[in-house]
Amino acid sequence: MTLPTPRNRGKGFGHTDPDGNAWTVARFLEGAPAAQAIYEAAERMAASLGPMDIRVSKSQIAFRRRRSFAYLWRPGMYVTSNIPLVLSLPLPREDGSPRFKEVAHPSPAVWMHHLELPDTSVLDGEVQEWMREAYASAA
């Protein structure tokens, strides 16, 4: 089985800094070697769901269909943290799993679920099901 190749992989896709430099996956993960393997595992998981784009900005990497269905961000960019990456999944419902660090309700139809990723072992079948649900909702 061949997995679909994400479009715009590693490209800034229009997101640049004030000097005009594009944000790329490599640039986003620069200085965070522990985050690289986690990112690669999360990208494989997302790509297994179907066609998607990858958009990179200064603050996050987004996996997208028509809308974004998963976000990766580095908490150490904002607060002191030993967690390399956080996966945020917008779901159409609140999931009460204790695995989520926080669940926010930013709009009437979306609950944003934040999952800390200390290593790749967290990206298991349950996370894949949540990501599949978010992917379906982003069509």
N, C-alpha and C. Protein backbone atom coordinates (compact mmCIF):
# COMPACT_ATOMS: atom_id res chain seq x y z
N MET A 1 0.83 -1.18 0.00
CA MET A 1 0.00 0.00 0.00
C MET A 1 0.88 1.24 0.00
N THR A 2 0.60 2.16 -0.88
CA THR A 2 1.34 3.40 -0.95
C THR A 2 0.53 4.50 -0.29
N LEU A 3 1.16 5.21 0.63
CA LEU A 3 0.47 6.30 1.30
C LEU A 3 0.45 7.53 0.40
N PRO A 4 -0.61 8.33 0.47
CA PRO A 4 -0.64 9.55 -0.31
C PRO A 4 0.46 10.49 0.15
N THR A 5 0.99 11.25 -0.77
CA THR A 5 2.03 12.21 -0.45
C THR A 5 1.38 13.55 -0.13
N PRO A 6 1.67 14.12 1.04
CA PRO A 6 1.09 15.42 1.35
C PRO A 6 1.56 16.47 0.35
N ARG A 7 0.64 17.31 -0.05
CA ARG A 7 0.99 18.43 -0.91
C ARG A 7 1.63 19.50 -0.06
N ASN A 8 2.52 20.27 -0.65
CA ASN A 8 3.16 21.40 0.02
C ASN A 8 4.00 20.97 1.22
N ARG A 9 4.47 19.75 1.23
CA ARG A 9 5.26 19.27 2.36
C ARG A 9 6.48 20.15 2.58
N GLY A 10 6.55 20.68 3.78
CA GLY A 10 7.73 21.44 4.17
C GLY A 10 7.81 22.82 3.56
N LYS A 11 6.83 23.20 2.77
CA LYS A 11 6.83 24.52 2.18
C LYS A 11 6.13 25.49 3.12
N GLY A 12 6.46 26.74 3.01
CA GLY A 12 5.84 27.73 3.87
C GLY A 12 4.40 28.01 3.50
N PHE A 13 4.00 27.72 2.28
CA PHE A 13 2.63 27.91 1.80
C PHE A 13 2.12 29.29 2.13
N GLY A 14 2.92 30.31 1.80
CA GLY A 14 2.47 31.68 1.97
C GLY A 14 2.81 32.30 3.31
N HIS A 15 3.28 31.54 4.26
CA HIS A 15 3.62 32.08 5.57
C HIS A 15 5.10 32.44 5.58
N THR A 16 5.36 33.72 5.77
CA THR A 16 6.74 34.19 5.80
C THR A 16 6.95 35.09 7.01
N ASP A 17 8.21 35.26 7.38
CA ASP A 17 8.52 36.19 8.45
C ASP A 17 8.65 37.59 7.86
N PRO A 18 8.88 38.61 8.68
CA PRO A 18 8.97 39.99 8.15
C PRO A 18 10.06 40.19 7.11
N ASP A 19 11.07 39.31 7.11
CA ASP A 19 12.14 39.42 6.12
C ASP A 19 11.82 38.67 4.83
N GLY A 20 10.65 38.05 4.76
CA GLY A 20 10.24 37.32 3.56
C GLY A 20 10.70 35.88 3.51
N ASN A 21 11.26 35.37 4.61
CA ASN A 21 11.71 33.98 4.65
C ASN A 21 10.53 33.06 4.95
N ALA A 22 10.39 32.02 4.14
CA ALA A 22 9.27 31.10 4.32
C ALA A 22 9.48 30.22 5.54
N TRP A 23 8.38 29.91 6.21
CA TRP A 23 8.42 28.95 7.30
C TRP A 23 8.30 27.56 6.71
N THR A 24 9.22 26.69 7.09
CA THR A 24 9.23 25.30 6.64
C THR A 24 9.19 24.40 7.88
N VAL A 25 8.93 23.13 7.65
CA VAL A 25 8.95 22.17 8.76
C VAL A 25 10.33 22.18 9.40
N ALA A 26 11.38 22.15 8.59
CA ALA A 26 12.75 22.14 9.14
C ALA A 26 13.02 23.39 9.97
N ARG A 27 12.58 24.52 9.47
CA ARG A 27 12.80 25.77 10.21
C ARG A 27 11.99 25.77 11.51
N PHE A 28 10.76 25.30 11.46
CA PHE A 28 9.91 25.25 12.65
C PHE A 28 10.52 24.35 13.73
N LEU A 29 11.10 23.23 13.32
CA LEU A 29 11.66 22.27 14.28
C LEU A 29 13.12 22.55 14.64
N GLU A 30 13.71 23.56 14.04
CA GLU A 30 15.11 23.90 14.30
C GLU A 30 15.35 24.09 15.79
N GLY A 31 16.41 23.45 16.29
CA GLY A 31 16.75 23.55 17.70
C GLY A 31 15.94 22.65 18.60
N ALA A 32 15.11 21.78 18.02
CA ALA A 32 14.28 20.87 18.80
C ALA A 32 14.41 19.45 18.24
N PRO A 33 15.58 18.82 18.40
CA PRO A 33 15.79 17.51 17.78
C PRO A 33 14.81 16.44 18.26
N ALA A 34 14.36 16.51 19.50
CA ALA A 34 13.41 15.51 20.00
C ALA A 34 12.07 15.61 19.27
N ALA A 35 11.75 16.79 18.78
CA ALA A 35 10.47 17.00 18.10
C ALA A 35 10.46 16.40 16.69
N GLN A 36 11.61 16.19 16.07
CA GLN A 36 11.67 15.72 14.69
C GLN A 36 11.02 14.35 14.51
N ALA A 37 11.40 13.38 15.32
CA ALA A 37 10.83 12.03 15.20
C ALA A 37 9.34 12.03 15.50
N ILE A 38 8.93 12.84 16.47
CA ILE A 38 7.51 12.93 16.81
C ILE A 38 6.74 13.53 15.63
N TYR A 39 7.29 14.59 15.04
CA TYR A 39 6.65 15.19 13.88
C TYR A 39 6.50 14.16 12.75
N GLU A 40 7.56 13.44 12.45
CA GLU A 40 7.52 12.47 11.35
C GLU A 40 6.45 11.39 11.59
N ALA A 41 6.34 10.91 12.83
CA ALA A 41 5.31 9.92 13.15
C ALA A 41 3.91 10.51 13.01
N ALA A 42 3.73 11.74 13.45
CA ALA A 42 2.42 12.40 13.33
C ALA A 42 2.07 12.65 11.86
N GLU A 43 3.06 13.04 11.07
CA GLU A 43 2.80 13.26 9.64
C GLU A 43 2.40 11.95 8.95
N ARG A 44 3.09 10.86 9.27
CA ARG A 44 2.72 9.55 8.69
C ARG A 44 1.29 9.18 9.06
N MET A 45 0.93 9.41 10.32
CA MET A 45 -0.42 9.09 10.78
C MET A 45 -1.44 9.93 10.00
N ALA A 46 -1.19 11.21 9.87
CA ALA A 46 -2.11 12.10 9.15
C ALA A 46 -2.19 11.73 7.67
N ALA A 47 -1.05 11.44 7.06
CA ALA A 47 -1.03 11.10 5.63
C ALA A 47 -1.77 9.80 5.34
N SER A 48 -1.82 8.90 6.32
CA SER A 48 -2.52 7.63 6.11
C SER A 48 -4.03 7.81 5.99
N LEU A 49 -4.54 8.97 6.36
CA LEU A 49 -5.98 9.23 6.33
C LEU A 49 -6.48 9.63 4.96
N GLY A 50 -5.60 10.17 4.13
CA GLY A 50 -6.00 10.60 2.79
C GLY A 50 -5.27 11.87 2.40
N PRO A 51 -5.70 12.48 1.29
CA PRO A 51 -5.02 13.69 0.80
C PRO A 51 -5.06 14.81 1.83
N MET A 52 -3.96 15.53 1.91
CA MET A 52 -3.87 16.65 2.85
C MET A 52 -2.78 17.60 2.40
N ASP A 53 -2.83 18.78 2.94
CA ASP A 53 -1.78 19.78 2.77
C ASP A 53 -1.11 19.98 4.12
N ILE A 54 0.11 20.49 4.07
CA ILE A 54 0.82 20.87 5.29
C ILE A 54 1.13 22.35 5.17
N ARG A 55 0.71 23.09 6.18
CA ARG A 55 0.99 24.53 6.23
C ARG A 55 1.80 24.82 7.47
N VAL A 56 2.84 25.59 7.29
CA VAL A 56 3.75 25.90 8.39
C VAL A 56 3.75 27.41 8.61
N SER A 57 3.64 27.79 9.86
CA SER A 57 3.76 29.20 10.24
C SER A 57 4.74 29.29 11.40
N LYS A 58 4.97 30.47 11.89
CA LYS A 58 5.88 30.65 13.01
C LYS A 58 5.42 29.89 14.25
N SER A 59 4.10 29.76 14.43
CA SER A 59 3.58 29.19 15.67
C SER A 59 3.16 27.73 15.58
N GLN A 60 2.96 27.18 14.37
CA GLN A 60 2.43 25.82 14.29
C GLN A 60 2.62 25.20 12.91
N ILE A 61 2.46 23.89 12.88
CA ILE A 61 2.35 23.13 11.64
C ILE A 61 0.92 22.63 11.61
N ALA A 62 0.23 22.86 10.50
CA ALA A 62 -1.16 22.43 10.38
C ALA A 62 -1.28 21.40 9.27
N PHE A 63 -2.00 20.32 9.55
CA PHE A 63 -2.38 19.34 8.55
C PHE A 63 -3.79 19.70 8.13
N ARG A 64 -4.02 19.85 6.81
CA ARG A 64 -5.28 20.41 6.33
C ARG A 64 -5.93 19.58 5.23
N ARG A 65 -7.24 19.63 5.23
CA ARG A 65 -8.09 19.26 4.09
C ARG A 65 -8.66 20.59 3.62
N ARG A 66 -9.97 20.73 3.64
CA ARG A 66 -10.56 22.04 3.37
C ARG A 66 -10.25 22.98 4.54
N ARG A 67 -10.28 22.42 5.74
CA ARG A 67 -9.89 23.13 6.97
C ARG A 67 -8.80 22.30 7.65
N SER A 68 -8.17 22.89 8.62
CA SER A 68 -7.14 22.16 9.38
C SER A 68 -7.79 21.11 10.27
N PHE A 69 -7.15 19.94 10.33
CA PHE A 69 -7.67 18.86 11.18
C PHE A 69 -6.70 18.46 12.28
N ALA A 70 -5.50 18.96 12.24
CA ALA A 70 -4.52 18.68 13.30
C ALA A 70 -3.46 19.77 13.27
N TYR A 71 -3.02 20.12 14.46
CA TYR A 71 -1.99 21.15 14.61
C TYR A 71 -0.90 20.60 15.52
N LEU A 72 0.34 20.89 15.18
CA LEU A 72 1.49 20.58 16.03
C LEU A 72 2.14 21.90 16.41
N TRP A 73 2.45 22.04 17.68
CA TRP A 73 3.13 23.26 18.13
C TRP A 73 4.07 22.93 19.27
N ARG A 74 5.04 23.82 19.45
CA ARG A 74 6.10 23.61 20.44
C ARG A 74 5.80 24.45 21.68
N PRO A 75 5.38 23.82 22.78
CA PRO A 75 5.07 24.62 23.97
C PRO A 75 6.28 25.38 24.51
N GLY A 76 7.48 24.85 24.29
CA GLY A 76 8.69 25.52 24.77
C GLY A 76 8.94 26.86 24.12
N MET A 77 8.23 27.17 23.05
CA MET A 77 8.35 28.48 22.42
C MET A 77 7.61 29.55 23.24
N TYR A 78 6.72 29.11 24.12
CA TYR A 78 5.86 30.04 24.84
C TYR A 78 6.03 29.98 26.36
N VAL A 79 6.25 28.79 26.89
CA VAL A 79 6.42 28.61 28.33
C VAL A 79 7.53 27.59 28.55
N THR A 80 8.04 27.49 29.76
CA THR A 80 9.04 26.49 30.08
C THR A 80 8.36 25.12 30.05
N SER A 81 8.88 24.23 29.21
CA SER A 81 8.27 22.92 29.06
C SER A 81 9.31 21.92 28.59
N ASN A 82 9.19 20.69 29.05
CA ASN A 82 10.07 19.62 28.56
C ASN A 82 9.33 18.76 27.54
N ILE A 83 8.14 19.17 27.11
CA ILE A 83 7.36 18.46 26.10
C ILE A 83 7.77 19.00 24.72
N PRO A 84 8.27 18.15 23.82
CA PRO A 84 8.73 18.64 22.51
C PRO A 84 7.61 19.20 21.63
N LEU A 85 6.46 18.51 21.60
CA LEU A 85 5.35 18.94 20.75
C LEU A 85 4.01 18.68 21.44
N VAL A 86 3.02 19.46 21.04
CA VAL A 86 1.64 19.24 21.44
C VAL A 86 0.85 19.04 20.16
N LEU A 87 -0.04 18.06 20.17
CA LEU A 87 -0.96 17.81 19.06
C LEU A 87 -2.32 18.36 19.47
N SER A 88 -2.87 19.26 18.67
CA SER A 88 -4.19 19.83 18.93
C SER A 88 -5.13 19.35 17.84
N LEU A 89 -6.25 18.77 18.27
CA LEU A 89 -7.23 18.20 17.35
C LEU A 89 -8.58 18.87 17.54
N PRO A 90 -9.12 19.51 16.49
CA PRO A 90 -10.45 20.10 16.58
C PRO A 90 -11.50 19.02 16.28
N LEU A 91 -12.28 18.67 17.28
CA LEU A 91 -13.32 17.65 17.12
C LEU A 91 -14.70 18.30 17.22
N PRO A 92 -15.71 17.68 16.62
CA PRO A 92 -17.06 18.25 16.67
C PRO A 92 -17.78 17.95 17.99
N ARG A 93 -17.06 17.39 18.93
CA ARG A 93 -17.63 17.01 20.23
C ARG A 93 -16.52 17.06 21.27
N GLU A 94 -16.90 17.11 22.51
CA GLU A 94 -15.92 17.04 23.58
C GLU A 94 -15.63 15.58 23.90
N ASP A 95 -14.36 15.22 23.97
CA ASP A 95 -13.96 13.88 24.38
C ASP A 95 -13.36 14.02 25.77
N GLY A 96 -13.88 13.27 26.71
CA GLY A 96 -13.45 13.39 28.10
C GLY A 96 -12.25 12.55 28.49
N SER A 97 -11.49 12.07 27.50
CA SER A 97 -10.33 11.25 27.82
C SER A 97 -9.36 11.99 28.74
N PRO A 98 -8.87 11.31 29.78
CA PRO A 98 -7.88 11.94 30.65
C PRO A 98 -6.52 12.14 29.98
N ARG A 99 -6.36 11.60 28.78
CA ARG A 99 -5.10 11.78 28.06
C ARG A 99 -4.91 13.23 27.61
N PHE A 100 -6.00 13.96 27.42
CA PHE A 100 -5.88 15.34 26.96
C PHE A 100 -5.45 16.25 28.10
N LYS A 101 -4.45 17.07 27.82
CA LYS A 101 -3.97 18.05 28.81
C LYS A 101 -5.03 19.12 29.04
N GLU A 102 -5.71 19.51 27.96
CA GLU A 102 -6.73 20.54 28.04
C GLU A 102 -7.70 20.37 26.89
N VAL A 103 -8.95 20.73 27.12
CA VAL A 103 -9.96 20.78 26.07
C VAL A 103 -10.61 22.16 26.14
N ALA A 104 -10.59 22.86 25.02
CA ALA A 104 -11.20 24.20 24.93
C ALA A 104 -12.38 24.14 23.98
N HIS A 105 -13.26 25.09 24.11
CA HIS A 105 -14.47 25.15 23.27
C HIS A 105 -14.50 26.51 22.57
N PRO A 106 -13.66 26.68 21.52
CA PRO A 106 -13.50 28.00 20.91
C PRO A 106 -14.67 28.48 20.05
N SER A 107 -15.53 27.55 19.61
CA SER A 107 -16.69 27.94 18.82
C SER A 107 -17.80 26.93 19.07
N PRO A 108 -19.03 27.25 18.71
CA PRO A 108 -20.15 26.35 19.03
C PRO A 108 -20.00 24.93 18.49
N ALA A 109 -19.30 24.77 17.38
CA ALA A 109 -19.22 23.44 16.76
C ALA A 109 -17.86 22.77 16.92
N VAL A 110 -16.95 23.37 17.68
CA VAL A 110 -15.59 22.83 17.77
C VAL A 110 -15.12 22.77 19.22
N TRP A 111 -14.56 21.61 19.58
CA TRP A 111 -13.84 21.44 20.84
C TRP A 111 -12.40 21.15 20.45
N MET A 112 -11.46 21.95 20.95
CA MET A 112 -10.04 21.76 20.64
C MET A 112 -9.41 20.95 21.77
N HIS A 113 -8.86 19.79 21.39
CA HIS A 113 -8.27 18.84 22.33
C HIS A 113 -6.75 18.89 22.21
N HIS A 114 -6.07 19.16 23.32
CA HIS A 114 -4.61 19.31 23.33
C HIS A 114 -3.97 18.09 24.01
N LEU A 115 -3.11 17.42 23.25
CA LEU A 115 -2.45 16.21 23.72
C LEU A 115 -0.94 16.43 23.72
N GLU A 116 -0.32 16.31 24.88
CA GLU A 116 1.14 16.44 24.95
C GLU A 116 1.80 15.22 24.32
N LEU A 117 2.88 15.47 23.57
CA LEU A 117 3.61 14.40 22.89
C LEU A 117 5.05 14.37 23.40
N PRO A 118 5.31 13.67 24.50
CA PRO A 118 6.68 13.58 24.99
C PRO A 118 7.56 12.69 24.11
N ASP A 119 6.93 11.74 23.38
CA ASP A 119 7.66 10.87 22.46
C ASP A 119 6.65 10.23 21.51
N THR A 120 7.12 9.41 20.59
CA THR A 120 6.25 8.84 19.56
C THR A 120 5.29 7.78 20.10
N SER A 121 5.55 7.23 21.27
CA SER A 121 4.68 6.17 21.79
C SER A 121 3.26 6.65 22.07
N VAL A 122 3.09 7.94 22.24
CA VAL A 122 1.76 8.50 22.51
C VAL A 122 0.88 8.41 21.26
N LEU A 123 1.49 8.37 20.08
CA LEU A 123 0.74 8.34 18.82
C LEU A 123 0.29 6.91 18.52
N ASP A 124 -0.73 6.47 19.22
CA ASP A 124 -1.23 5.10 19.13
C ASP A 124 -2.56 5.05 18.38
N GLY A 125 -3.21 3.91 18.42
CA GLY A 125 -4.48 3.70 17.72
C GLY A 125 -5.58 4.64 18.17
N GLU A 126 -5.63 4.94 19.46
CA GLU A 126 -6.66 5.86 19.95
C GLU A 126 -6.47 7.26 19.36
N VAL A 127 -5.22 7.72 19.32
CA VAL A 127 -4.93 9.03 18.73
C VAL A 127 -5.27 9.01 17.24
N GLN A 128 -4.97 7.91 16.57
CA GLN A 128 -5.31 7.81 15.15
C GLN A 128 -6.82 7.92 14.93
N GLU A 129 -7.62 7.33 15.81
CA GLU A 129 -9.08 7.44 15.69
C GLU A 129 -9.55 8.88 15.90
N TRP A 130 -8.97 9.57 16.87
CA TRP A 130 -9.31 10.98 17.06
C TRP A 130 -8.92 11.80 15.84
N MET A 131 -7.74 11.51 15.28
CA MET A 131 -7.30 12.24 14.10
C MET A 131 -8.19 11.93 12.92
N ARG A 132 -8.64 10.69 12.79
CA ARG A 132 -9.55 10.30 11.71
C ARG A 132 -10.87 11.08 11.82
N GLU A 133 -11.37 11.22 13.04
CA GLU A 133 -12.60 11.99 13.26
C GLU A 133 -12.40 13.45 12.89
N ALA A 134 -11.28 14.03 13.29
CA ALA A 134 -10.97 15.41 12.95
C ALA A 134 -10.81 15.57 11.44
N TYR A 135 -10.17 14.61 10.79
CA TYR A 135 -10.00 14.62 9.33
C TYR A 135 -11.36 14.62 8.63
N ALA A 136 -12.26 13.75 9.07
CA ALA A 136 -13.59 13.68 8.47
C ALA A 136 -14.35 15.00 8.65
N SER A 137 -14.18 15.63 9.79
CA SER A 137 -14.88 16.90 10.07
C SER A 137 -14.31 18.07 9.28
N ALA A 138 -13.11 17.92 8.76
CA ALA A 138 -12.44 19.02 8.04
C ALA A 138 -12.71 18.99 6.55
N ALA A 139 -13.58 18.09 6.09
CA ALA A 139 -13.86 17.96 4.65
C ALA A 139 -14.60 19.17 4.11
